[in-house]
Amino acid sequence: MSLEKITIENVNFPDHTENVRADKYQDMRVALLKIMPVSAPGLPFSEIKEATKPHLSPDLFPEGKTSGWWAKCVQLDLEAKGLVARTKATPLTF
């Protein structure tokens, strides 16, 4: 298990940061950016969550466990940094 941490932001709480495991963050970030569409109509978060699973390290995310939490964590951080954008669609789509 990695002890290295990375500081993340949350678009919903701009003045708040958290420190999370860097290895899991980086693995999910690569997976998320790999499957994220670059133009409309985008993907709903439920589809993003499932689409990232095949791209994750089985050592870090055995059987996809905790991947939903990490997908949301990374999505909120990337959105706060301006690398991911929400559409106006319902359900919540990126």
N, C-alpha and C. Protein backbone atom coordinates (compact mmCIF):
# COMPACT_ATOMS: atom_id res chain seq x y z
N MET A 1 0.85 -1.18 0.00
CA MET A 1 0.00 0.00 0.00
C MET A 1 0.89 1.24 0.00
N SER A 2 0.53 2.18 -0.83
CA SER A 2 1.30 3.41 -0.94
C SER A 2 0.94 4.36 0.20
N LEU A 3 1.95 5.00 0.73
CA LEU A 3 1.73 6.00 1.77
C LEU A 3 1.73 7.40 1.20
N GLU A 4 2.09 7.53 -0.07
CA GLU A 4 2.12 8.84 -0.71
C GLU A 4 0.70 9.37 -0.86
N LYS A 5 0.54 10.66 -0.59
CA LYS A 5 -0.78 11.30 -0.67
C LYS A 5 -0.74 12.40 -1.72
N ILE A 6 -1.92 12.73 -2.21
CA ILE A 6 -2.08 13.83 -3.15
C ILE A 6 -3.23 14.70 -2.62
N THR A 7 -3.10 16.00 -2.78
CA THR A 7 -4.14 16.91 -2.33
C THR A 7 -5.13 17.13 -3.46
N ILE A 8 -6.40 16.93 -3.16
CA ILE A 8 -7.46 17.09 -4.16
C ILE A 8 -8.40 18.20 -3.76
N GLU A 9 -9.11 18.70 -4.77
CA GLU A 9 -10.12 19.74 -4.57
C GLU A 9 -11.49 19.14 -4.86
N ASN A 10 -12.51 19.91 -4.51
CA ASN A 10 -13.89 19.50 -4.77
C ASN A 10 -14.63 20.71 -5.31
N VAL A 11 -15.13 20.60 -6.54
CA VAL A 11 -15.83 21.72 -7.18
C VAL A 11 -17.01 22.21 -6.33
N ASN A 12 -17.60 21.34 -5.52
CA ASN A 12 -18.76 21.71 -4.70
C ASN A 12 -18.36 22.45 -3.43
N PHE A 13 -17.10 22.33 -3.01
CA PHE A 13 -16.59 22.99 -1.80
C PHE A 13 -15.23 23.61 -2.13
N PRO A 14 -15.23 24.75 -2.81
CA PRO A 14 -13.99 25.33 -3.35
C PRO A 14 -12.90 25.62 -2.31
N ASP A 15 -13.24 25.88 -1.08
CA ASP A 15 -12.24 26.22 -0.08
C ASP A 15 -11.74 25.01 0.71
N HIS A 16 -12.15 23.82 0.31
CA HIS A 16 -11.82 22.62 1.06
C HIS A 16 -10.94 21.70 0.21
N THR A 17 -9.91 21.14 0.83
CA THR A 17 -9.08 20.14 0.16
C THR A 17 -8.99 18.91 1.03
N GLU A 18 -8.63 17.80 0.41
CA GLU A 18 -8.45 16.53 1.12
C GLU A 18 -7.16 15.90 0.62
N ASN A 19 -6.54 15.09 1.44
CA ASN A 19 -5.38 14.30 1.03
C ASN A 19 -5.82 12.86 0.88
N VAL A 20 -5.57 12.30 -0.31
CA VAL A 20 -5.97 10.92 -0.60
C VAL A 20 -4.78 10.16 -1.15
N ARG A 21 -4.91 8.85 -1.21
CA ARG A 21 -3.84 8.00 -1.74
C ARG A 21 -3.51 8.38 -3.19
N ALA A 22 -2.27 8.67 -3.43
CA ALA A 22 -1.83 9.09 -4.76
C ALA A 22 -1.93 7.97 -5.78
N ASP A 23 -1.60 6.73 -5.38
CA ASP A 23 -1.63 5.63 -6.34
C ASP A 23 -3.03 5.36 -6.87
N LYS A 24 -4.01 5.34 -5.98
CA LYS A 24 -5.39 5.10 -6.43
C LYS A 24 -5.91 6.29 -7.23
N TYR A 25 -5.57 7.50 -6.78
CA TYR A 25 -6.00 8.70 -7.51
C TYR A 25 -5.46 8.66 -8.94
N GLN A 26 -4.17 8.41 -9.10
CA GLN A 26 -3.56 8.43 -10.42
C GLN A 26 -4.12 7.34 -11.33
N ASP A 27 -4.34 6.15 -10.77
CA ASP A 27 -4.90 5.06 -11.56
C ASP A 27 -6.31 5.41 -12.05
N MET A 28 -7.12 5.96 -11.17
CA MET A 28 -8.47 6.34 -11.56
C MET A 28 -8.45 7.52 -12.52
N ARG A 29 -7.55 8.47 -12.32
CA ARG A 29 -7.46 9.63 -13.20
C ARG A 29 -7.17 9.19 -14.64
N VAL A 30 -6.22 8.29 -14.80
CA VAL A 30 -5.89 7.78 -16.14
C VAL A 30 -7.11 7.09 -16.75
N ALA A 31 -7.78 6.24 -15.97
CA ALA A 31 -8.96 5.52 -16.47
C ALA A 31 -10.08 6.50 -16.83
N LEU A 32 -10.31 7.46 -15.98
CA LEU A 32 -11.39 8.43 -16.21
C LEU A 32 -11.14 9.24 -17.47
N LEU A 33 -9.93 9.75 -17.63
CA LEU A 33 -9.63 10.56 -18.81
C LEU A 33 -9.62 9.72 -20.09
N LYS A 34 -9.36 8.44 -19.96
CA LYS A 34 -9.36 7.53 -21.11
C LYS A 34 -10.78 7.35 -21.65
N ILE A 35 -11.77 7.27 -20.76
CA ILE A 35 -13.14 6.96 -21.21
C ILE A 35 -14.02 8.21 -21.35
N MET A 36 -13.56 9.33 -20.83
CA MET A 36 -14.38 10.55 -20.84
C MET A 36 -14.49 11.11 -22.26
N PRO A 37 -15.71 11.31 -22.75
CA PRO A 37 -15.87 11.90 -24.09
C PRO A 37 -15.42 13.36 -24.09
N VAL A 38 -14.94 13.82 -25.23
CA VAL A 38 -14.46 15.20 -25.32
C VAL A 38 -15.52 16.16 -25.83
N SER A 39 -16.68 15.63 -26.22
CA SER A 39 -17.74 16.52 -26.70
C SER A 39 -19.10 15.98 -26.27
N ALA A 40 -20.11 16.83 -26.46
CA ALA A 40 -21.49 16.46 -26.11
C ALA A 40 -21.90 15.24 -26.91
N PRO A 41 -22.77 14.40 -26.41
CA PRO A 41 -23.60 14.61 -25.23
C PRO A 41 -22.94 14.22 -23.92
N GLY A 42 -21.73 13.69 -23.92
CA GLY A 42 -21.09 13.30 -22.67
C GLY A 42 -21.58 11.96 -22.17
N LEU A 43 -21.21 11.66 -20.93
CA LEU A 43 -21.63 10.40 -20.30
C LEU A 43 -22.22 10.70 -18.93
N PRO A 44 -23.31 10.03 -18.57
CA PRO A 44 -23.81 10.14 -17.20
C PRO A 44 -22.82 9.49 -16.24
N PHE A 45 -22.79 9.97 -15.01
CA PHE A 45 -21.83 9.45 -14.06
C PHE A 45 -21.98 7.94 -13.86
N SER A 46 -23.19 7.41 -13.89
CA SER A 46 -23.38 5.97 -13.70
C SER A 46 -22.63 5.17 -14.78
N GLU A 47 -22.60 5.68 -16.00
CA GLU A 47 -21.87 5.00 -17.07
C GLU A 47 -20.36 5.20 -16.92
N ILE A 48 -19.96 6.37 -16.47
CA ILE A 48 -18.54 6.65 -16.24
C ILE A 48 -18.00 5.67 -15.21
N LYS A 49 -18.75 5.50 -14.14
CA LYS A 49 -18.35 4.62 -13.05
C LYS A 49 -18.08 3.20 -13.56
N GLU A 50 -18.94 2.69 -14.41
CA GLU A 50 -18.78 1.34 -14.95
C GLU A 50 -17.69 1.28 -16.02
N ALA A 51 -17.61 2.30 -16.84
CA ALA A 51 -16.65 2.30 -17.95
C ALA A 51 -15.20 2.36 -17.48
N THR A 52 -14.96 2.91 -16.30
CA THR A 52 -13.58 2.99 -15.80
C THR A 52 -13.06 1.64 -15.30
N LYS A 53 -13.93 0.79 -14.81
CA LYS A 53 -13.52 -0.46 -14.15
C LYS A 53 -12.54 -1.31 -14.96
N PRO A 54 -12.76 -1.54 -16.27
CA PRO A 54 -11.82 -2.38 -17.02
C PRO A 54 -10.42 -1.76 -17.15
N HIS A 55 -10.29 -0.48 -16.90
CA HIS A 55 -9.02 0.22 -17.06
C HIS A 55 -8.24 0.36 -15.76
N LEU A 56 -8.79 -0.15 -14.67
CA LEU A 56 -8.17 0.01 -13.35
C LEU A 56 -7.25 -1.15 -13.01
N SER A 57 -6.25 -0.86 -12.20
CA SER A 57 -5.34 -1.89 -11.72
C SER A 57 -6.09 -2.85 -10.80
N PRO A 58 -6.03 -4.16 -11.07
CA PRO A 58 -6.69 -5.12 -10.18
C PRO A 58 -6.04 -5.17 -8.80
N ASP A 59 -4.79 -4.74 -8.72
CA ASP A 59 -4.14 -4.70 -7.41
C ASP A 59 -4.69 -3.57 -6.54
N LEU A 60 -4.99 -2.44 -7.17
CA LEU A 60 -5.52 -1.29 -6.42
C LEU A 60 -7.03 -1.37 -6.22
N PHE A 61 -7.72 -1.94 -7.21
CA PHE A 61 -9.18 -2.02 -7.18
C PHE A 61 -9.64 -3.45 -7.44
N PRO A 62 -9.36 -4.39 -6.52
CA PRO A 62 -9.77 -5.78 -6.75
C PRO A 62 -11.29 -5.88 -6.92
N GLU A 63 -11.69 -6.50 -8.02
CA GLU A 63 -13.11 -6.66 -8.35
C GLU A 63 -13.85 -5.33 -8.42
N GLY A 64 -13.13 -4.25 -8.68
CA GLY A 64 -13.75 -2.93 -8.80
C GLY A 64 -14.16 -2.30 -7.48
N LYS A 65 -13.75 -2.93 -6.38
CA LYS A 65 -14.15 -2.42 -5.06
C LYS A 65 -13.64 -1.00 -4.85
N THR A 66 -14.49 -0.18 -4.31
CA THR A 66 -14.29 1.25 -4.01
C THR A 66 -14.10 2.12 -5.25
N SER A 67 -14.21 1.55 -6.44
CA SER A 67 -13.98 2.34 -7.65
C SER A 67 -15.02 3.44 -7.84
N GLY A 68 -16.24 3.22 -7.40
CA GLY A 68 -17.27 4.26 -7.53
C GLY A 68 -16.92 5.51 -6.72
N TRP A 69 -16.44 5.29 -5.50
CA TRP A 69 -16.03 6.42 -4.66
C TRP A 69 -14.86 7.16 -5.30
N TRP A 70 -13.88 6.41 -5.77
CA TRP A 70 -12.71 7.02 -6.39
C TRP A 70 -13.07 7.73 -7.69
N ALA A 71 -13.98 7.19 -8.48
CA ALA A 71 -14.41 7.85 -9.71
C ALA A 71 -15.02 9.21 -9.38
N LYS A 72 -15.86 9.26 -8.36
CA LYS A 72 -16.48 10.53 -7.97
C LYS A 72 -15.43 11.49 -7.42
N CYS A 73 -14.54 11.00 -6.59
CA CYS A 73 -13.47 11.80 -6.01
C CYS A 73 -12.64 12.47 -7.11
N VAL A 74 -12.20 11.69 -8.07
CA VAL A 74 -11.35 12.20 -9.14
C VAL A 74 -12.15 13.13 -10.06
N GLN A 75 -13.40 12.76 -10.36
CA GLN A 75 -14.24 13.62 -11.21
C GLN A 75 -14.41 15.00 -10.58
N LEU A 76 -14.70 15.06 -9.28
CA LEU A 76 -14.88 16.34 -8.61
C LEU A 76 -13.60 17.16 -8.60
N ASP A 77 -12.46 16.48 -8.42
CA ASP A 77 -11.17 17.18 -8.44
C ASP A 77 -10.87 17.72 -9.83
N LEU A 78 -11.04 16.89 -10.85
CA LEU A 78 -10.77 17.33 -12.22
C LEU A 78 -11.73 18.45 -12.64
N GLU A 79 -12.95 18.38 -12.17
CA GLU A 79 -13.91 19.44 -12.47
C GLU A 79 -13.48 20.74 -11.78
N ALA A 80 -13.01 20.67 -10.55
CA ALA A 80 -12.54 21.85 -9.83
C ALA A 80 -11.34 22.47 -10.54
N LYS A 81 -10.53 21.65 -11.19
CA LYS A 81 -9.34 22.12 -11.89
C LYS A 81 -9.65 22.55 -13.33
N GLY A 82 -10.91 22.39 -13.76
CA GLY A 82 -11.31 22.79 -15.09
C GLY A 82 -10.97 21.80 -16.19
N LEU A 83 -10.66 20.56 -15.83
CA LEU A 83 -10.31 19.54 -16.82
C LEU A 83 -11.49 18.69 -17.24
N VAL A 84 -12.58 18.75 -16.48
CA VAL A 84 -13.81 18.03 -16.78
C VAL A 84 -14.95 19.03 -16.59
N ALA A 85 -15.96 18.93 -17.44
CA ALA A 85 -17.10 19.86 -17.35
C ALA A 85 -18.42 19.10 -17.31
N ARG A 86 -19.35 19.65 -16.58
CA ARG A 86 -20.72 19.11 -16.55
C ARG A 86 -21.49 19.66 -17.73
N THR A 87 -22.42 18.87 -18.21
CA THR A 87 -23.37 19.37 -19.19
C THR A 87 -24.61 19.81 -18.43
N LYS A 88 -25.57 20.34 -19.12
CA LYS A 88 -26.82 20.75 -18.47
C LYS A 88 -27.84 19.61 -18.45
N ALA A 89 -27.44 18.43 -18.93
CA ALA A 89 -28.34 17.29 -19.04
C ALA A 89 -28.64 16.68 -17.68
N THR A 90 -29.76 15.99 -17.63
CA THR A 90 -30.14 15.19 -16.48
C THR A 90 -30.28 13.76 -16.98
N PRO A 91 -29.75 12.75 -16.30
CA PRO A 91 -29.00 12.82 -15.04
C PRO A 91 -27.65 13.52 -15.24
N LEU A 92 -26.98 13.79 -14.14
CA LEU A 92 -25.70 14.47 -14.14
C LEU A 92 -24.77 13.83 -15.15
N THR A 93 -24.33 14.64 -16.13
CA THR A 93 -23.55 14.15 -17.26
C THR A 93 -22.29 14.99 -17.42
N PHE A 94 -21.20 14.33 -17.81
CA PHE A 94 -19.91 15.01 -17.95
C PHE A 94 -19.34 14.81 -19.33
